[in-house]
């Protein structure tokens, strides 16, 4: 069988940064509202931010985070937790309308050993799922295929948000 290559050059930046002490990209995105398009920010409020994951597991993979740089749930206020939970609901709505997933994975990773790529600023992953999306690619080479550009998806989600008056915070 002939060996095939799947190119995903955008992941190299992430891979190279794993061993380095880097700034918090969530905090950097919060400081620069004029760069929301470039930073793939979908929504923001005084308490939270919703960003497209630059290294998605699936098309539409969103990150929801508190605006405060805190590592764990126990440091979040009740108001922050309520808003984050409402944003999970709103994210599922906008993704359902825009790209019509059949399901969602919603999760959090605390600590590097648990898979947290940014262990000091907790965030929630919203990953849209479709029947059969864990296809042969993950079996062949532990690869994921994302079929839409992040910028195109961001624009689509913003348009749907505007049309449907989301998020409702």
Protein backbone atom coordinates (compact mmCIF):
# COMPACT_ATOMS: atom_id res chain seq x y z
CA UNK A 1 0.00 0.00 0.00
CA UNK A 2 1.35 3.41 -0.96
CA UNK A 3 1.98 5.76 1.96
CA UNK A 4 0.07 9.03 1.82
CA UNK A 5 0.75 12.30 3.62
CA UNK A 6 -1.86 14.54 5.13
CA UNK A 7 -0.51 18.08 5.47
CA UNK A 8 -1.64 20.19 8.42
CA UNK A 9 1.04 22.90 8.63
CA UNK A 10 -1.04 25.14 10.93
CA UNK A 11 -0.47 22.62 13.76
CA UNK A 12 3.33 23.11 13.79
CA UNK A 13 3.03 26.44 15.62
CA UNK A 14 1.05 24.68 18.36
CA UNK A 15 3.45 21.72 18.55
CA UNK A 16 6.53 23.94 18.78
CA UNK A 17 4.98 26.04 21.54
CA UNK A 18 4.16 23.08 23.81
CA UNK A 19 7.56 23.09 25.53
CA UNK A 20 7.84 26.87 25.78
CA UNK A 21 6.46 29.12 28.45
CA UNK A 22 4.03 31.24 26.45
CA UNK A 23 1.63 34.04 27.21
CA UNK A 24 -2.01 33.23 27.73
CA UNK A 25 -3.64 33.56 24.31
CA UNK A 26 -7.07 34.01 25.94
CA UNK A 27 -5.85 37.01 27.96
CA UNK A 28 -4.11 38.41 24.88
CA UNK A 29 -7.34 38.10 22.88
CA UNK A 30 -9.28 39.83 25.68
CA UNK A 31 -6.88 42.80 25.62
CA UNK A 32 -7.31 43.39 21.89
CA UNK A 33 -10.99 43.75 20.95
CA UNK A 34 -10.02 45.48 17.70
CA UNK A 35 -8.38 42.20 16.62
CA UNK A 36 -11.41 39.96 17.27
CA UNK A 37 -11.60 38.85 13.64
CA UNK A 38 -7.91 37.96 13.47
CA UNK A 39 -8.09 36.28 16.89
CA UNK A 40 -11.21 34.29 15.93
CA UNK A 41 -13.29 35.77 18.77
CA UNK A 42 -16.96 35.01 18.26
CA UNK A 43 -18.41 36.71 21.36
CA UNK A 44 -17.13 38.60 24.39
CA UNK A 45 -18.58 40.18 27.51
CA UNK A 46 -17.16 41.69 30.68
CA UNK A 47 -17.02 38.21 32.22
CA UNK A 48 -16.24 35.85 29.36
CA UNK A 49 -15.07 35.20 25.83
CA UNK A 50 -15.91 32.66 23.11
CA UNK A 51 -13.15 31.85 20.62
CA UNK A 52 -12.79 29.40 17.74
CA UNK A 53 -10.11 26.85 18.59
CA UNK A 54 -7.12 27.46 16.31
CA UNK A 55 -6.23 23.75 16.52
CA UNK A 56 -9.69 22.17 16.33
CA UNK A 57 -10.63 18.54 16.89
CA UNK A 58 -13.59 19.09 14.58
CA UNK A 59 -15.16 21.85 12.53
CA UNK A 60 -16.80 24.41 14.83
CA UNK A 61 -14.68 23.60 17.92
CA UNK A 62 -15.19 26.55 20.29
CA UNK A 63 -13.49 27.59 23.53
CA UNK A 64 -15.49 29.39 26.22
CA UNK A 65 -13.46 31.02 28.99
CA UNK A 66 -13.88 33.44 31.87
CA UNK A 67 -12.33 36.86 31.28
CA UNK A 68 -10.39 36.50 34.53
CA UNK A 69 -7.18 34.48 34.33
CA UNK A 70 -8.10 31.68 36.74
CA UNK A 71 -7.05 28.02 36.59
CA UNK A 72 -9.99 26.23 38.22
CA UNK A 73 -13.73 26.26 38.72
CA UNK A 74 -13.40 26.84 42.44
CA UNK A 75 -11.98 30.31 41.77
CA UNK A 76 -14.88 31.32 39.50
CA UNK A 77 -17.71 33.39 40.93
CA UNK A 78 -21.31 32.21 40.72
CA UNK A 79 -21.99 34.96 38.14
CA UNK A 80 -19.07 33.77 36.00
CA UNK A 81 -20.20 30.15 36.20
CA UNK A 82 -23.76 31.07 35.27
CA UNK A 83 -22.61 33.09 32.27
CA UNK A 84 -20.25 30.33 31.09
CA UNK A 85 -23.08 27.81 31.31
CA UNK A 86 -25.40 30.11 29.35
CA UNK A 87 -22.67 30.50 26.72
CA UNK A 88 -22.47 26.72 26.34
CA UNK A 89 -26.19 26.78 25.53
CA UNK A 90 -25.81 29.72 23.12
CA UNK A 91 -22.78 28.13 21.43
CA UNK A 92 -24.73 24.94 20.83
CA UNK A 93 -27.59 27.00 19.35
CA UNK A 94 -25.42 28.97 16.94
CA UNK A 95 -23.45 25.89 15.87
CA UNK A 96 -26.67 23.88 15.40
CA UNK A 97 -28.12 26.55 13.12
CA UNK A 98 -24.90 27.24 11.20
CA UNK A 99 -23.33 23.81 10.65
CA UNK A 100 -26.01 21.37 11.85
CA UNK A 101 -24.03 18.91 13.99
CA UNK A 102 -25.79 15.80 15.22
CA UNK A 103 -24.30 16.06 18.71
CA UNK A 104 -21.74 17.80 20.91
CA UNK A 105 -18.90 16.99 23.26
CA UNK A 106 -18.60 19.57 26.04
CA UNK A 107 -15.62 19.29 28.34
CA UNK A 108 -12.86 20.80 30.43
CA UNK A 109 -9.29 19.70 31.12
CA UNK A 110 -7.59 20.73 34.35
CA UNK A 111 -3.80 20.35 34.45
CA UNK A 112 -1.36 19.50 31.68
CA UNK A 113 -1.50 15.77 32.52
CA UNK A 114 -5.28 15.87 31.90
CA UNK A 115 -4.80 17.37 28.45
CA UNK A 116 -4.98 21.09 29.25
CA UNK A 117 -2.97 22.93 26.62
CA UNK A 118 -3.42 26.14 28.62
CA UNK A 119 -3.50 24.91 32.23
CA UNK A 120 -3.62 28.30 33.98
CA UNK A 121 -6.72 29.76 32.29
CA UNK A 122 -9.57 27.31 32.45
CA UNK A 123 -11.84 27.02 29.46
CA UNK A 124 -14.66 24.86 28.16
CA UNK A 125 -14.44 22.98 24.87
CA UNK A 126 -17.56 22.75 22.68
CA UNK A 127 -16.92 20.20 19.94
CA UNK A 128 -19.64 19.59 17.32
CA UNK A 129 -20.00 15.94 16.30
CA UNK A 130 -21.49 14.10 13.34
CA UNK A 131 -22.26 10.44 12.89
CA UNK A 132 -19.13 8.84 11.47
CA UNK A 133 -16.83 11.84 12.05
CA UNK A 134 -14.29 9.57 13.73
CA UNK A 135 -13.64 8.02 10.36
CA UNK A 136 -10.65 6.16 8.97
CA UNK A 137 -8.38 9.20 9.33
CA UNK A 138 -8.05 8.78 13.09
CA UNK A 139 -7.36 5.08 12.64
CA UNK A 140 -4.75 5.60 9.90
CA UNK A 141 -2.62 8.26 11.50
CA UNK A 142 -4.32 9.85 14.49
CA UNK A 143 -5.33 12.71 12.20
CA UNK A 144 -8.45 14.86 12.15
CA UNK A 145 -9.89 16.45 9.04
CA UNK A 146 -11.46 19.88 9.39
CA UNK A 147 -13.36 20.81 6.27
CA UNK A 148 -13.93 24.56 6.65
CA UNK A 149 -11.53 27.45 7.15
CA UNK A 150 -11.65 29.07 10.58
CA UNK A 151 -12.25 32.53 9.11
CA UNK A 152 -15.13 31.28 6.97
CA UNK A 153 -16.69 29.55 9.98
CA UNK A 154 -16.24 32.63 12.21
CA UNK A 155 -18.05 34.79 9.65
CA UNK A 156 -20.83 32.22 9.33
CA UNK A 157 -21.31 31.98 13.12
CA UNK A 158 -21.31 35.78 13.52
CA UNK A 159 -23.97 36.09 10.79
CA UNK A 160 -26.15 33.42 12.41
CA UNK A 161 -25.64 35.07 15.82
CA UNK A 162 -26.79 38.39 14.43
CA UNK A 163 -29.81 36.91 12.62
CA UNK A 164 -30.93 34.93 15.68
CA UNK A 165 -29.92 37.53 18.30
CA UNK A 166 -27.41 35.19 20.01
CA UNK A 167 -25.95 35.07 22.58
CA UNK A 168 -28.84 36.05 24.79
CA UNK A 169 -26.81 37.42 27.69
